[in-house]
Amino acid sequence: MREIFQADNIAVLELRGGTHLLLRPASDPITPGTVAPFDLMVDNLETSHEKFEALKLSPSTIQDDAFHRSFTLCDPSGYAITVNSSHVSDSPV
């Protein structure tokens, strides 16, 4: 994931394969800690965790489960976003 553009009212991120994710502020208040209706997946969970820590975004500790390693952090709107490790292989889709 890489940043394409950022302004006060929008951020554009590019995901694997060229998919773009547009993030905008919520139109209605969100109760802090509400689980976001999506997860993110990154190639290097530890590096991403370190970057979020350096940005003082307070990511949770990394957890292990049956399929992924993951952590959560809250976005500026209050959503709790889960960030998962990737299990993408080099096999063609």
PDB file of N, CA and C in Angstrom:
ATOM      1  N   MET A   1       0.849  -1.156   0.000  1.00  0.00           N
ATOM      2  CA  MET A   1       0.000   0.000   0.000  1.00  0.00           C
ATOM      3  C   MET A   1       0.903   1.230   0.000  1.00  0.00           C
ATOM      4  N   ARG A   2       0.557   2.178  -0.874  1.00  0.00           N
ATOM      5  CA  ARG A   2       1.340   3.413  -0.865  1.00  0.00           C
ATOM      6  C   ARG A   2       0.405   4.603  -1.004  1.00  0.00           C
ATOM      7  N   GLU A   3       0.841   5.714  -0.433  1.00  0.00           N
ATOM      8  CA  GLU A   3       0.046   6.940  -0.484  1.00  0.00           C
ATOM      9  C   GLU A   3       0.167   7.573  -1.866  1.00  0.00           C
ATOM     10  N   ILE A   4      -0.971   7.934  -2.443  1.00  0.00           N
ATOM     11  CA  ILE A   4      -1.008   8.628  -3.723  1.00  0.00           C
ATOM     12  C   ILE A   4      -1.258  10.115  -3.510  1.00  0.00           C
ATOM     13  N   PHE A   5      -2.210  10.428  -2.624  1.00  0.00           N
ATOM     14  CA  PHE A   5      -2.601  11.818  -2.395  1.00  0.00           C
ATOM     15  C   PHE A   5      -3.188  11.941  -1.002  1.00  0.00           C
ATOM     16  N   GLN A   6      -2.967  13.110  -0.368  1.00  0.00           N
ATOM     17  CA  GLN A   6      -3.575  13.363   0.932  1.00  0.00           C
ATOM     18  C   GLN A   6      -3.928  14.835   1.050  1.00  0.00           C
ATOM     19  N   ALA A   7      -5.128  15.106   1.538  1.00  0.00           N
ATOM     20  CA  ALA A   7      -5.595  16.460   1.824  1.00  0.00           C
ATOM     21  C   ALA A   7      -6.457  16.380   3.084  1.00  0.00           C
ATOM     22  N   ASP A   8      -7.017  17.513   3.507  1.00  0.00           N
ATOM     23  CA  ASP A   8      -7.823  17.520   4.729  1.00  0.00           C
ATOM     24  C   ASP A   8      -9.051  16.627   4.639  1.00  0.00           C
ATOM     25  N   ASN A   9      -9.653  16.501   3.459  1.00  0.00           N
ATOM     26  CA  ASN A   9     -10.924  15.782   3.343  1.00  0.00           C
ATOM     27  C   ASN A   9     -10.844  14.474   2.557  1.00  0.00           C
ATOM     28  N   ILE A  10      -9.642  14.056   2.160  1.00  0.00           N
ATOM     29  CA  ILE A  10      -9.520  12.804   1.409  1.00  0.00           C
ATOM     30  C   ILE A  10      -8.074  12.312   1.432  1.00  0.00           C
ATOM     31  N   ALA A  11      -7.935  10.992   1.420  1.00  0.00           N
ATOM     32  CA  ALA A  11      -6.627  10.360   1.223  1.00  0.00           C
ATOM     33  C   ALA A  11      -6.831   9.253   0.197  1.00  0.00           C
ATOM     34  N   VAL A  12      -5.887   9.128  -0.731  1.00  0.00           N
ATOM     35  CA  VAL A  12      -5.961   8.095  -1.759  1.00  0.00           C
ATOM     36  C   VAL A  12      -4.749   7.186  -1.581  1.00  0.00           C
ATOM     37  N   LEU A  13      -5.019   5.887  -1.421  1.00  0.00           N
ATOM     38  CA  LEU A  13      -3.970   4.889  -1.257  1.00  0.00           C
ATOM     39  C   LEU A  13      -4.052   3.904  -2.405  1.00  0.00           C
ATOM     40  N   GLU A  14      -2.899   3.432  -2.865  1.00  0.00           N
ATOM     41  CA  GLU A  14      -2.874   2.418  -3.917  1.00  0.00           C
ATOM     42  C   GLU A  14      -2.542   1.077  -3.285  1.00  0.00           C
ATOM     43  N   LEU A  15      -3.361   0.073  -3.599  1.00  0.00           N
ATOM     44  CA  LEU A  15      -3.193  -1.269  -3.062  1.00  0.00           C
ATOM     45  C   LEU A  15      -2.545  -2.173  -4.100  1.00  0.00           C
ATOM     46  N   ARG A  16      -2.237  -3.398  -3.698  1.00  0.00           N
ATOM     47  CA  ARG A  16      -1.659  -4.399  -4.592  1.00  0.00           C
ATOM     48  C   ARG A  16      -2.521  -4.522  -5.845  1.00  0.00           C
ATOM     49  N   GLY A  17      -1.898  -4.587  -6.999  1.00  0.00           N
ATOM     50  CA  GLY A  17      -2.637  -4.758  -8.244  1.00  0.00           C
ATOM     51  C   GLY A  17      -3.202  -3.470  -8.806  1.00  0.00           C
ATOM     52  N   GLY A  18      -2.904  -2.335  -8.166  1.00  0.00           N
ATOM     53  CA  GLY A  18      -3.362  -1.061  -8.699  1.00  0.00           C
ATOM     54  C   GLY A  18      -4.713  -0.596  -8.196  1.00  0.00           C
ATOM     55  N   THR A  19      -5.350  -1.343  -7.296  1.00  0.00           N
ATOM     56  CA  THR A  19      -6.625  -0.905  -6.729  1.00  0.00           C
ATOM     57  C   THR A  19      -6.388   0.322  -5.866  1.00  0.00           C
ATOM     58  N   HIS A  20      -7.244   1.317  -5.992  1.00  0.00           N
ATOM     59  CA  HIS A  20      -7.132   2.533  -5.201  1.00  0.00           C
ATOM     60  C   HIS A  20      -8.200   2.552  -4.119  1.00  0.00           C
ATOM     61  N   LEU A  21      -7.814   2.990  -2.939  1.00  0.00           N
ATOM     62  CA  LEU A  21      -8.707   3.117  -1.801  1.00  0.00           C
ATOM     63  C   LEU A  21      -8.818   4.600  -1.486  1.00  0.00           C
ATOM     64  N   LEU A  22     -10.032   5.136  -1.535  1.00  0.00           N
ATOM     65  CA  LEU A  22     -10.273   6.538  -1.218  1.00  0.00           C
ATOM     66  C   LEU A  22     -10.861   6.617   0.178  1.00  0.00           C
ATOM     67  N   LEU A  23     -10.213   7.354   1.053  1.00  0.00           N
ATOM     68  CA  LEU A  23     -10.663   7.509   2.430  1.00  0.00           C
ATOM     69  C   LEU A  23     -11.144   8.931   2.635  1.00  0.00           C
ATOM     70  N   ARG A  24     -12.352   9.049   3.164  1.00  0.00           N
ATOM     71  CA  ARG A  24     -12.943  10.363   3.434  1.00  0.00           C
ATOM     72  C   ARG A  24     -13.483  10.374   4.851  1.00  0.00           C
ATOM     73  N   PRO A  25     -13.615  11.558   5.453  1.00  0.00           N
ATOM     74  CA  PRO A  25     -14.200  11.624   6.794  1.00  0.00           C
ATOM     75  C   PRO A  25     -15.642  11.117   6.776  1.00  0.00           C
ATOM     76  N   ALA A  26     -16.057  10.505   7.878  1.00  0.00           N
ATOM     77  CA  ALA A  26     -17.438  10.033   7.999  1.00  0.00           C
ATOM     78  C   ALA A  26     -18.384  11.224   8.028  1.00  0.00           C
ATOM     79  N   SER A  27     -19.562  11.054   7.442  1.00  0.00           N
ATOM     80  CA  SER A  27     -20.549  12.136   7.443  1.00  0.00           C
ATOM     81  C   SER A  27     -21.278  12.230   8.779  1.00  0.00           C
ATOM     82  N   ASP A  28     -21.369  11.112   9.508  1.00  0.00           N
ATOM     83  CA  ASP A  28     -22.001  11.093  10.825  1.00  0.00           C
ATOM     84  C   ASP A  28     -20.968  10.679  11.859  1.00  0.00           C
ATOM     85  N   PRO A  29     -21.129  11.145  13.092  1.00  0.00           N
ATOM     86  CA  PRO A  29     -20.172  10.751  14.135  1.00  0.00           C
ATOM     87  C   PRO A  29     -20.139   9.231  14.320  1.00  0.00           C
ATOM     88  N   ILE A  30     -18.962   8.713  14.591  1.00  0.00           N
ATOM     89  CA  ILE A  30     -18.761   7.285  14.820  1.00  0.00           C
ATOM     90  C   ILE A  30     -18.371   7.104  16.279  1.00  0.00           C
ATOM     91  N   THR A  31     -18.995   6.154  16.931  1.00  0.00           N
ATOM     92  CA  THR A  31     -18.623   5.849  18.305  1.00  0.00           C
ATOM     93  C   THR A  31     -17.205   5.285  18.298  1.00  0.00           C
ATOM     94  N   PRO A  32     -16.278   5.913  19.041  1.00  0.00           N
ATOM     95  CA  PRO A  32     -14.902   5.416  19.044  1.00  0.00           C
ATOM     96  C   PRO A  32     -14.844   3.922  19.353  1.00  0.00           C
ATOM     97  N   GLY A  33     -14.038   3.208  18.583  1.00  0.00           N
ATOM     98  CA  GLY A  33     -13.881   1.776  18.767  1.00  0.00           C
ATOM     99  C   GLY A  33     -14.803   0.925  17.917  1.00  0.00           C
ATOM    100  N   THR A  34     -15.713   1.567  17.155  1.00  0.00           N
ATOM    101  CA  THR A  34     -16.568   0.807  16.250  1.00  0.00           C
ATOM    102  C   THR A  34     -15.685   0.080  15.243  1.00  0.00           C
ATOM    103  N   VAL A  35     -15.915  -1.212  15.070  1.00  0.00           N
ATOM    104  CA  VAL A  35     -15.091  -2.000  14.150  1.00  0.00           C
ATOM    105  C   VAL A  35     -15.410  -1.594  12.716  1.00  0.00           C
ATOM    106  N   ALA A  36     -14.375  -1.246  11.957  1.00  0.00           N
ATOM    107  CA  ALA A  36     -14.542  -0.849  10.553  1.00  0.00           C
ATOM    108  C   ALA A  36     -15.127  -2.009   9.757  1.00  0.00           C
ATOM    109  N   PRO A  37     -15.903  -1.705   8.706  1.00  0.00           N
ATOM    110  CA  PRO A  37     -16.518  -2.770   7.907  1.00  0.00           C
ATOM    111  C   PRO A  37     -15.548  -3.387   6.891  1.00  0.00           C
ATOM    112  N   PHE A  38     -14.257  -3.264   7.128  1.00  0.00           N
ATOM    113  CA  PHE A  38     -13.234  -3.830   6.250  1.00  0.00           C
ATOM    114  C   PHE A  38     -11.964  -4.046   7.057  1.00  0.00           C
ATOM    115  N   ASP A  39     -11.074  -4.894   6.565  1.00  0.00           N
ATOM    116  CA  ASP A  39      -9.728  -5.080   7.116  1.00  0.00           C
ATOM    117  C   ASP A  39      -8.730  -4.663   6.047  1.00  0.00           C
ATOM    118  N   LEU A  40      -7.516  -4.411   6.467  1.00  0.00           N
ATOM    119  CA  LEU A  40      -6.422  -4.181   5.531  1.00  0.00           C
ATOM    120  C   LEU A  40      -5.452  -5.353   5.630  1.00  0.00           C
ATOM    121  N   MET A  41      -4.729  -5.624   4.545  1.00  0.00           N
ATOM    122  CA  MET A  41      -3.726  -6.682   4.524  1.00  0.00           C
ATOM    123  C   MET A  41      -2.432  -6.063   3.991  1.00  0.00           C
ATOM    124  N   VAL A  42      -1.320  -6.319   4.672  1.00  0.00           N
ATOM    125  CA  VAL A  42      -0.034  -5.744   4.284  1.00  0.00           C
ATOM    126  C   VAL A  42       0.994  -6.851   4.083  1.00  0.00           C
ATOM    127  N   ASP A  43       2.007  -6.575   3.270  1.00  0.00           N
ATOM    128  CA  ASP A  43       3.057  -7.556   2.996  1.00  0.00           C
ATOM    129  C   ASP A  43       3.937  -7.816   4.213  1.00  0.00           C
ATOM    130  N   ASN A  44       4.277  -6.779   4.964  1.00  0.00           N
ATOM    131  CA  ASN A  44       5.159  -6.938   6.115  1.00  0.00           C
ATOM    132  C   ASN A  44       4.487  -6.326   7.338  1.00  0.00           C
ATOM    133  N   LEU A  45       3.867  -7.171   8.137  1.00  0.00           N
ATOM    134  CA  LEU A  45       3.093  -6.706   9.287  1.00  0.00           C
ATOM    135  C   LEU A  45       3.968  -5.977  10.300  1.00  0.00           C
ATOM    136  N   GLU A  46       5.146  -6.511  10.577  1.00  0.00           N
ATOM    137  CA  GLU A  46       6.021  -5.901  11.573  1.00  0.00           C
ATOM    138  C   GLU A  46       6.468  -4.509  11.147  1.00  0.00           C
ATOM    139  N   THR A  47       6.862  -4.355   9.885  1.00  0.00           N
ATOM    140  CA  THR A  47       7.279  -3.045   9.380  1.00  0.00           C
ATOM    141  C   THR A  47       6.126  -2.056   9.433  1.00  0.00           C
ATOM    142  N   SER A  48       4.941  -2.492   9.032  1.00  0.00           N
ATOM    143  CA  SER A  48       3.766  -1.615   9.082  1.00  0.00           C
ATOM    144  C   SER A  48       3.461  -1.204  10.517  1.00  0.00           C
ATOM    145  N   HIS A  49       3.549  -2.142  11.439  1.00  0.00           N
ATOM    146  CA  HIS A  49       3.306  -1.852  12.855  1.00  0.00           C
ATOM    147  C   HIS A  49       4.294  -0.798  13.349  1.00  0.00           C
ATOM    148  N   GLU A  50       5.568  -0.972  13.000  1.00  0.00           N
ATOM    149  CA  GLU A  50       6.599  -0.010  13.400  1.00  0.00           C
ATOM    150  C   GLU A  50       6.324   1.373  12.822  1.00  0.00           C
ATOM    151  N   LYS A  51       5.890   1.440  11.559  1.00  0.00           N
ATOM    152  CA  LYS A  51       5.582   2.733  10.932  1.00  0.00           C
ATOM    153  C   LYS A  51       4.418   3.417  11.639  1.00  0.00           C
ATOM    154  N   PHE A  52       3.371   2.640  11.975  1.00  0.00           N
ATOM    155  CA  PHE A  52       2.225   3.224  12.676  1.00  0.00           C
ATOM    156  C   PHE A  52       2.624   3.684  14.075  1.00  0.00           C
ATOM    157  N   GLU A  53       3.511   2.943  14.733  1.00  0.00           N
ATOM    158  CA  GLU A  53       4.013   3.381  16.039  1.00  0.00           C
ATOM    159  C   GLU A  53       4.789   4.685  15.905  1.00  0.00           C
ATOM    160  N   ALA A  54       5.646   4.783  14.880  1.00  0.00           N
ATOM    161  CA  ALA A  54       6.442   5.995  14.666  1.00  0.00           C
ATOM    162  C   ALA A  54       5.557   7.211  14.400  1.00  0.00           C
ATOM    163  N   LEU A  55       4.394   6.963  13.789  1.00  0.00           N
ATOM    164  CA  LEU A  55       3.430   8.040  13.530  1.00  0.00           C
ATOM    165  C   LEU A  55       2.549   8.324  14.743  1.00  0.00           C
ATOM    166  N   LYS A  56       2.812   7.619  15.853  1.00  0.00           N
ATOM    167  CA  LYS A  56       2.069   7.779  17.107  1.00  0.00           C
ATOM    168  C   LYS A  56       0.582   7.479  16.939  1.00  0.00           C
ATOM    169  N   LEU A  57       0.276   6.417  16.145  1.00  0.00           N
ATOM    170  CA  LEU A  57      -1.111   6.010  15.919  1.00  0.00           C
ATOM    171  C   LEU A  57      -1.558   4.922  16.892  1.00  0.00           C
ATOM    172  N   SER A  58      -0.698   4.541  17.819  1.00  0.00           N
ATOM    173  CA  SER A  58      -1.016   3.597  18.893  1.00  0.00           C
ATOM    174  C   SER A  58      -1.604   2.271  18.419  1.00  0.00           C
ATOM    175  N   PRO A  59      -0.908   1.553  17.533  1.00  0.00           N
ATOM    176  CA  PRO A  59      -1.416   0.235  17.143  1.00  0.00           C
ATOM    177  C   PRO A  59      -1.382  -0.718  18.341  1.00  0.00           C
ATOM    178  N   SER A  60      -2.312  -1.671  18.359  1.00  0.00           N
ATOM    179  CA  SER A  60      -2.315  -2.687  19.415  1.00  0.00           C
ATOM    180  C   SER A  60      -1.098  -3.595  19.241  1.00  0.00           C
ATOM    181  N   THR A  61      -0.881  -4.467  20.194  1.00  0.00           N
ATOM    182  CA  THR A  61       0.169  -5.461  20.019  1.00  0.00           C
ATOM    183  C   THR A  61      -0.248  -6.425  18.907  1.00  0.00           C
ATOM    184  N   ILE A  62       0.722  -7.047  18.284  1.00  0.00           N
ATOM    185  CA  ILE A  62       0.444  -8.008  17.212  1.00  0.00           C
ATOM    186  C   ILE A  62      -0.074  -9.301  17.834  1.00  0.00           C
ATOM    187  N   GLN A  63      -1.193  -9.787  17.286  1.00  0.00           N
ATOM    188  CA  GLN A  63      -1.840 -11.016  17.756  1.00  0.00           C
ATOM    189  C   GLN A  63      -1.689 -12.102  16.696  1.00  0.00           C
ATOM    190  N   ASP A  64      -1.649 -13.348  17.129  1.00  0.00           N
ATOM    191  CA  ASP A  64      -1.593 -14.491  16.215  1.00  0.00           C
ATOM    192  C   ASP A  64      -2.915 -15.244  16.280  1.00  0.00           C
ATOM    193  N   ASP A  65      -3.442 -15.657  15.110  1.00  0.00           N
ATOM    194  CA  ASP A  65      -4.590 -16.556  15.090  1.00  0.00           C
ATOM    195  C   ASP A  65      -4.324 -17.659  14.072  1.00  0.00           C
ATOM    196  N   ALA A  66      -5.319 -18.438  13.754  1.00  0.00           N
ATOM    197  CA  ALA A  66      -5.122 -19.604  12.883  1.00  0.00           C
ATOM    198  C   ALA A  66      -4.711 -19.244  11.461  1.00  0.00           C
ATOM    199  N   PHE A  67      -5.085 -18.055  10.990  1.00  0.00           N
ATOM    200  CA  PHE A  67      -4.836 -17.705   9.590  1.00  0.00           C
ATOM    201  C   PHE A  67      -3.874 -16.543   9.395  1.00  0.00           C
ATOM    202  N   HIS A  68      -3.891 -15.577  10.301  1.00  0.00           N
ATOM    203  CA  HIS A  68      -3.105 -14.357  10.125  1.00  0.00           C
ATOM    204  C   HIS A  68      -2.503 -13.916  11.449  1.00  0.00           C
ATOM    205  N   ARG A  69      -1.539 -13.035  11.319  1.00  0.00           N
ATOM    206  CA  ARG A  69      -1.097 -12.209  12.437  1.00  0.00           C
ATOM    207  C   ARG A  69      -1.749 -10.861  12.182  1.00  0.00           C
ATOM    208  N   SER A  70      -2.120 -10.137  13.224  1.00  0.00           N
ATOM    209  CA  SER A  70      -2.828  -8.876  12.998  1.00  0.00           C
ATOM    210  C   SER A  70      -2.666  -7.931  14.179  1.00  0.00           C
ATOM    211  N   PHE A  71      -3.001  -6.668  13.930  1.00  0.00           N
ATOM    212  CA  PHE A  71      -3.109  -5.665  14.983  1.00  0.00           C
ATOM    213  C   PHE A  71      -4.233  -4.717  14.593  1.00  0.00           C
ATOM    214  N   THR A  72      -4.662  -3.909  15.532  1.00  0.00           N
ATOM    215  CA  THR A  72      -5.700  -2.920  15.245  1.00  0.00           C
ATOM    216  C   THR A  72      -5.193  -1.535  15.614  1.00  0.00           C
ATOM    217  N   LEU A  73      -5.804  -0.544  15.003  1.00  0.00           N
ATOM    218  CA  LEU A  73      -5.566   0.841  15.357  1.00  0.00           C
ATOM    219  C   LEU A  73      -6.828   1.619  15.019  1.00  0.00           C
ATOM    220  N   CYS A  74      -6.984   2.779  15.628  1.00  0.00           N
ATOM    221  CA  CYS A  74      -8.164   3.605  15.371  1.00  0.00           C
ATOM    222  C   CYS A  74      -7.822   4.694  14.372  1.00  0.00           C
ATOM    223  N   ASP A  75      -8.730   4.887  13.413  1.00  0.00           N
ATOM    224  CA  ASP A  75      -8.538   5.968  12.452  1.00  0.00           C
ATOM    225  C   ASP A  75      -9.071   7.267  13.059  1.00  0.00           C
ATOM    226  N   PRO A  76      -8.847   8.412  12.412  1.00  0.00           N
ATOM    227  CA  PRO A  76      -9.286   9.690  12.977  1.00  0.00           C
ATOM    228  C   PRO A  76     -10.794   9.783  13.218  1.00  0.00           C
ATOM    229  N   SER A  77     -11.593   8.985  12.497  1.00  0.00           N
ATOM    230  CA  SER A  77     -13.043   9.012  12.692  1.00  0.00           C
ATOM    231  C   SER A  77     -13.474   8.183  13.892  1.00  0.00           C
ATOM    232  N   GLY A  78     -12.606   7.313  14.390  1.00  0.00           N
ATOM    233  CA  GLY A  78     -12.936   6.469  15.527  1.00  0.00           C
ATOM    234  C   GLY A  78     -13.077   5.001  15.205  1.00  0.00           C
ATOM    235  N   TYR A  79     -13.067   4.643  13.914  1.00  0.00           N
ATOM    236  CA  TYR A  79     -13.154   3.235  13.540  1.00  0.00           C
ATOM    237  C   TYR A  79     -11.925   2.471  14.020  1.00  0.00           C
ATOM    238  N   ALA A  80     -12.130   1.257  14.520  1.00  0.00           N
ATOM    239  CA  ALA A  80     -11.041   0.337  14.832  1.00  0.00           C
ATOM    240  C   ALA A  80     -10.777  -0.482  13.574  1.00  0.00           C
ATOM    241  N   ILE A  81      -9.585  -0.342  13.012  1.00  0.00           N
ATOM    242  CA  ILE A  81      -9.233  -1.008  11.760  1.00  0.00           C
ATOM    243  C   ILE A  81      -8.259  -2.144  12.052  1.00  0.00           C
ATOM    244  N   THR A  82      -8.572  -3.323  11.536  1.00  0.00           N
ATOM    245  CA  THR A  82      -7.694  -4.483  11.677  1.00  0.00           C
ATOM    246  C   THR A  82      -6.731  -4.524  10.498  1.00  0.00           C
ATOM    247  N   VAL A  83      -5.452  -4.701  10.799  1.00  0.00           N
ATOM    248  CA  VAL A  83      -4.416  -4.825   9.778  1.00  0.00           C
ATOM    249  C   VAL A  83      -3.865  -6.243   9.878  1.00  0.00           C
ATOM    250  N   ASN A  84      -3.991  -7.012   8.794  1.00  0.00           N
ATOM    251  CA  ASN A  84      -3.602  -8.422   8.755  1.00  0.00           C
ATOM    252  C   ASN A  84      -2.312  -8.642   7.981  1.00  0.00           C
ATOM    253  N   SER A  85      -1.603  -9.724   8.344  1.00  0.00           N
ATOM    254  CA  SER A  85      -0.472 -10.178   7.545  1.00  0.00           C
ATOM    255  C   SER A  85      -1.004 -10.757   6.242  1.00  0.00           C
ATOM    256  N   SER A  86      -0.174 -10.750   5.232  1.00  0.00           N
ATOM    257  CA  SER A  86      -0.561 -11.274   3.926  1.00  0.00           C
ATOM    258  C   SER A  86      -0.188 -12.745   3.817  1.00  0.00           C
ATOM    259  N   HIS A  87      -0.978 -13.481   3.077  1.00  0.00           N
ATOM    260  CA  HIS A  87      -0.630 -14.863   2.757  1.00  0.00           C
ATOM    261  C   HIS A  87      -0.651 -15.049   1.241  1.00  0.00           C
ATOM    262  N   VAL A  88      -0.405 -13.936   0.529  1.00  0.00           N
ATOM    263  CA  VAL A  88      -0.376 -13.955  -0.929  1.00  0.00           C
ATOM    264  C   VAL A  88       0.874 -14.695  -1.385  1.00  0.00           C
ATOM    265  N   SER A  89       0.715 -15.535  -2.367  1.00  0.00           N
ATOM    266  CA  SER A  89       1.855 -16.274  -2.912  1.00  0.00           C
ATOM    267  C   SER A  89       2.227 -15.696  -4.274  1.00  0.00           C
ATOM    268  N   ASP A  90       3.255 -16.249  -4.873  1.00  0.00           N
ATOM    269  CA  ASP A  90       3.665 -15.816  -6.206  1.00  0.00           C
ATOM    270  C   ASP A  90       2.906 -16.548  -7.305  1.00  0.00           C
ATOM    271  N   SER A  91       1.958 -17.397  -6.934  1.00  0.00           N
ATOM    272  CA  SER A  91       1.186 -18.157  -7.919  1.00  0.00           C
ATOM    273  C   SER A  91       0.260 -17.237  -8.700  1.00  0.00           C
ATOM    274  N   PRO A  92       0.097 -17.479 -10.008  1.00  0.00           N
ATOM    275  CA  PRO A  92      -0.810 -16.638 -10.792  1.00  0.00           C
ATOM    276  C   PRO A  92      -2.254 -16.818 -10.337  1.00  0.00           C
ATOM    277  N   VAL A  93      -3.031 -15.763 -10.512  1.00  0.00           N
ATOM    278  CA  VAL A  93      -4.450 -15.794 -10.139  1.00  0.00           C
ATOM    279  C   VAL A  93      -5.283 -16.056 -11.364  1.00  0.00           C
TER     280      VAL A  93
END
